[in-house]
Amino acid sequence: MPTCDKCGCECEVDELRELAGKQVCEDCYLDGIEITKTCDPWAVHSAKNTLATDGKPILTEIQQQIYDLIVKEKRLTPEEAARRLNIPETELRREFATLRHLELLRGEKTADGMVITTF
């Protein structure tokens, strides 16, 4: 059975997709083509007005874990947060975009790159 060139998982031949000259599984393909926008004023407006109940946003389990970790640690790089939560960095960045739109977390540039912190 063929394997994904990126993550190494086994998949059926018809499930492989070509991405940048590599044969990858659907999950890696979607991660590779996804463009997550963290700074989107319309998404901020929509998120704050449609996802809130009693003034508090409804978060998924992983979003709540990310939020709780950043509140506890104050500032973490995306790589470190993903490592501590044992999730792929692509998933962390996707969930961070939602938390950014809800104005719960934000990115902050540093001399070494970027850290995630609270609003």
C-alpha atoms as a PDB file:
ATOM      1  CA  MET A   1       0.000   0.000   0.000  1.00  0.00           C
ATOM      2  CA  PRO A   2       1.432   3.450  -0.876  1.00  0.00           C
ATOM      3  CA  THR A   3       2.352   5.954   1.814  1.00  0.00           C
ATOM      4  CA  CYS A   4       2.042   9.727   2.086  1.00  0.00           C
ATOM      5  CA  ASP A   5       5.339  11.467   1.292  1.00  0.00           C
ATOM      6  CA  LYS A   6       4.707  13.996   4.076  1.00  0.00           C
ATOM      7  CA  CYS A   7       3.294  12.161   7.114  1.00  0.00           C
ATOM      8  CA  GLY A   8       4.041   8.572   6.143  1.00  0.00           C
ATOM      9  CA  CYS A   9       0.521   7.203   6.645  1.00  0.00           C
ATOM     10  CA  GLU A  10      -0.654   4.363   4.442  1.00  0.00           C
ATOM     11  CA  CYS A  11      -3.475   5.194   2.029  1.00  0.00           C
ATOM     12  CA  GLU A  12      -5.253   3.833  -0.989  1.00  0.00           C
ATOM     13  CA  VAL A  13      -3.849   4.895  -4.369  1.00  0.00           C
ATOM     14  CA  ASP A  14      -7.021   6.863  -5.180  1.00  0.00           C
ATOM     15  CA  GLU A  15      -6.691   8.830  -1.912  1.00  0.00           C
ATOM     16  CA  LEU A  16      -3.273  10.282  -2.788  1.00  0.00           C
ATOM     17  CA  ARG A  17      -3.036  13.823  -4.169  1.00  0.00           C
ATOM     18  CA  GLU A  18      -0.096  15.603  -5.775  1.00  0.00           C
ATOM     19  CA  LEU A  19       1.232  18.627  -3.908  1.00  0.00           C
ATOM     20  CA  ALA A  20       4.520  20.330  -4.785  1.00  0.00           C
ATOM     21  CA  GLY A  21       5.722  17.237  -6.620  1.00  0.00           C
ATOM     22  CA  LYS A  22       4.930  14.857  -3.749  1.00  0.00           C
ATOM     23  CA  GLN A  23       2.202  12.263  -3.320  1.00  0.00           C
ATOM     24  CA  VAL A  24       0.341  13.153  -0.115  1.00  0.00           C
ATOM     25  CA  CYS A  25      -2.776  11.989   1.733  1.00  0.00           C
ATOM     26  CA  GLU A  26      -5.922  14.129   1.771  1.00  0.00           C
ATOM     27  CA  ASP A  27      -5.170  15.582   5.226  1.00  0.00           C
ATOM     28  CA  CYS A  28      -1.676  16.708   4.214  1.00  0.00           C
ATOM     29  CA  TYR A  29      -3.050  18.014   0.908  1.00  0.00           C
ATOM     30  CA  LEU A  30      -5.657  20.153   2.681  1.00  0.00           C
ATOM     31  CA  ASP A  31      -3.039  21.414   5.155  1.00  0.00           C
ATOM     32  CA  GLY A  32      -0.803  22.302   2.212  1.00  0.00           C
ATOM     33  CA  ILE A  33      -3.362  24.316   0.261  1.00  0.00           C
ATOM     34  CA  GLU A  34      -5.164  25.947   3.181  1.00  0.00           C
ATOM     35  CA  ILE A  35      -4.638  29.665   3.638  1.00  0.00           C
ATOM     36  CA  THR A  36      -5.651  30.715   7.136  1.00  0.00           C
ATOM     37  CA  LYS A  37      -6.223  34.428   7.620  1.00  0.00           C
ATOM     38  CA  THR A  38      -5.818  35.609  11.193  1.00  0.00           C
ATOM     39  CA  CYS A  39      -6.389  39.306  10.542  1.00  0.00           C
ATOM     40  CA  ASP A  40      -9.844  39.566   8.991  1.00  0.00           C
ATOM     41  CA  PRO A  41     -12.141  42.323  10.328  1.00  0.00           C
ATOM     42  CA  TRP A  42     -15.286  40.755   8.865  1.00  0.00           C
ATOM     43  CA  ALA A  43     -14.460  37.395  10.477  1.00  0.00           C
ATOM     44  CA  VAL A  44     -13.947  39.168  13.818  1.00  0.00           C
ATOM     45  CA  HIS A  45     -17.357  40.835  13.523  1.00  0.00           C
ATOM     46  CA  SER A  46     -19.070  37.597  12.481  1.00  0.00           C
ATOM     47  CA  ALA A  47     -17.386  35.495  15.158  1.00  0.00           C
ATOM     48  CA  LYS A  48     -18.235  37.885  17.961  1.00  0.00           C
ATOM     49  CA  ASN A  49     -21.870  38.230  16.896  1.00  0.00           C
ATOM     50  CA  THR A  50     -22.780  34.669  15.956  1.00  0.00           C
ATOM     51  CA  LEU A  51     -20.752  32.379  18.219  1.00  0.00           C
ATOM     52  CA  ALA A  52     -21.457  34.014  21.564  1.00  0.00           C
ATOM     53  CA  THR A  53     -23.938  32.875  24.186  1.00  0.00           C
ATOM     54  CA  ASP A  54     -24.360  34.893  27.342  1.00  0.00           C
ATOM     55  CA  GLY A  55     -21.468  37.061  26.183  1.00  0.00           C
ATOM     56  CA  LYS A  56     -19.052  34.107  26.136  1.00  0.00           C
ATOM     57  CA  PRO A  57     -17.930  32.427  22.930  1.00  0.00           C
ATOM     58  CA  ILE A  58     -18.556  28.733  22.387  1.00  0.00           C
ATOM     59  CA  LEU A  59     -15.194  27.022  21.918  1.00  0.00           C
ATOM     60  CA  THR A  60     -14.361  23.552  20.714  1.00  0.00           C
ATOM     61  CA  GLU A  61     -12.429  21.310  23.086  1.00  0.00           C
ATOM     62  CA  ILE A  62      -9.104  21.960  21.334  1.00  0.00           C
ATOM     63  CA  GLN A  63      -9.754  25.724  21.165  1.00  0.00           C
ATOM     64  CA  GLN A  64     -10.422  25.723  24.917  1.00  0.00           C
ATOM     65  CA  GLN A  65      -7.198  23.770  25.527  1.00  0.00           C
ATOM     66  CA  ILE A  66      -5.191  26.231  23.425  1.00  0.00           C
ATOM     67  CA  TYR A  67      -6.779  29.205  25.178  1.00  0.00           C
ATOM     68  CA  ASP A  68      -6.224  27.732  28.661  1.00  0.00           C
ATOM     69  CA  LEU A  69      -2.571  26.943  27.859  1.00  0.00           C
ATOM     70  CA  ILE A  70      -1.845  30.478  26.659  1.00  0.00           C
ATOM     71  CA  VAL A  71      -3.647  32.040  29.637  1.00  0.00           C
ATOM     72  CA  LYS A  72      -1.541  29.866  31.963  1.00  0.00           C
ATOM     73  CA  GLU A  73       1.813  30.393  30.208  1.00  0.00           C
ATOM     74  CA  LYS A  74       1.207  34.017  29.076  1.00  0.00           C
ATOM     75  CA  ARG A  75       3.257  33.680  25.839  1.00  0.00           C
ATOM     76  CA  LEU A  76       4.235  30.690  23.712  1.00  0.00           C
ATOM     77  CA  THR A  77       5.477  30.167  20.190  1.00  0.00           C
ATOM     78  CA  PRO A  78       3.057  28.264  17.953  1.00  0.00           C
ATOM     79  CA  GLU A  79       5.590  25.434  17.759  1.00  0.00           C
ATOM     80  CA  GLU A  80       5.821  25.133  21.556  1.00  0.00           C
ATOM     81  CA  ALA A  81       2.045  25.330  22.034  1.00  0.00           C
ATOM     82  CA  ALA A  82       1.500  22.605  19.424  1.00  0.00           C
ATOM     83  CA  ARG A  83       4.168  20.435  21.053  1.00  0.00           C
ATOM     84  CA  ARG A  84       2.652  20.809  24.524  1.00  0.00           C
ATOM     85  CA  LEU A  85      -0.832  19.999  23.245  1.00  0.00           C
ATOM     86  CA  ASN A  86       0.480  17.147  21.089  1.00  0.00           C
ATOM     87  CA  ILE A  87      -1.231  18.432  17.931  1.00  0.00           C
ATOM     88  CA  PRO A  88       0.159  19.328  14.503  1.00  0.00           C
ATOM     89  CA  GLU A  89       1.244  22.943  14.182  1.00  0.00           C
ATOM     90  CA  THR A  90      -1.082  23.334  11.188  1.00  0.00           C
ATOM     91  CA  GLU A  91      -4.047  22.435  13.402  1.00  0.00           C
ATOM     92  CA  LEU A  92      -2.896  24.858  16.086  1.00  0.00           C
ATOM     93  CA  ARG A  93      -2.613  27.686  13.556  1.00  0.00           C
ATOM     94  CA  ARG A  94      -6.064  26.917  12.146  1.00  0.00           C
ATOM     95  CA  GLU A  95      -7.649  26.966  15.620  1.00  0.00           C
ATOM     96  CA  PHE A  96      -5.624  30.046  16.591  1.00  0.00           C
ATOM     97  CA  ALA A  97      -7.196  31.922  13.662  1.00  0.00           C
ATOM     98  CA  THR A  98     -10.635  31.337  15.182  1.00  0.00           C
ATOM     99  CA  LEU A  99      -9.445  32.411  18.635  1.00  0.00           C
ATOM    100  CA  ARG A 100      -7.916  35.524  17.048  1.00  0.00           C
ATOM    101  CA  HIS A 101     -11.215  36.332  15.319  1.00  0.00           C
ATOM    102  CA  LEU A 102     -12.941  36.030  18.699  1.00  0.00           C
ATOM    103  CA  GLU A 103     -10.320  38.432  20.084  1.00  0.00           C
ATOM    104  CA  LEU A 104      -9.324  35.949  22.775  1.00  0.00           C
ATOM    105  CA  LEU A 105      -5.743  35.398  21.596  1.00  0.00           C
ATOM    106  CA  ARG A 106      -3.410  37.379  19.395  1.00  0.00           C
ATOM    107  CA  GLY A 107      -0.048  37.037  17.751  1.00  0.00           C
ATOM    108  CA  GLU A 108       2.833  39.257  18.777  1.00  0.00           C
ATOM    109  CA  LYS A 109       6.002  39.702  16.747  1.00  0.00           C
ATOM    110  CA  THR A 110       9.278  39.193  18.563  1.00  0.00           C
ATOM    111  CA  ALA A 111      12.899  39.369  17.493  1.00  0.00           C
ATOM    112  CA  ASP A 112      12.833  35.578  17.095  1.00  0.00           C
ATOM    113  CA  GLY A 113       9.522  35.311  15.237  1.00  0.00           C
ATOM    114  CA  MET A 114       6.034  35.252  16.715  1.00  0.00           C
ATOM    115  CA  VAL A 115       4.403  34.281  19.994  1.00  0.00           C
ATOM    116  CA  ILE A 116       0.773  33.722  20.893  1.00  0.00           C
ATOM    117  CA  THR A 117      -0.551  35.721  23.822  1.00  0.00           C
ATOM    118  CA  THR A 118      -3.876  36.953  25.187  1.00  0.00           C
ATOM    119  CA  PHE A 119      -5.708  40.057  24.010  1.00  0.00           C
END
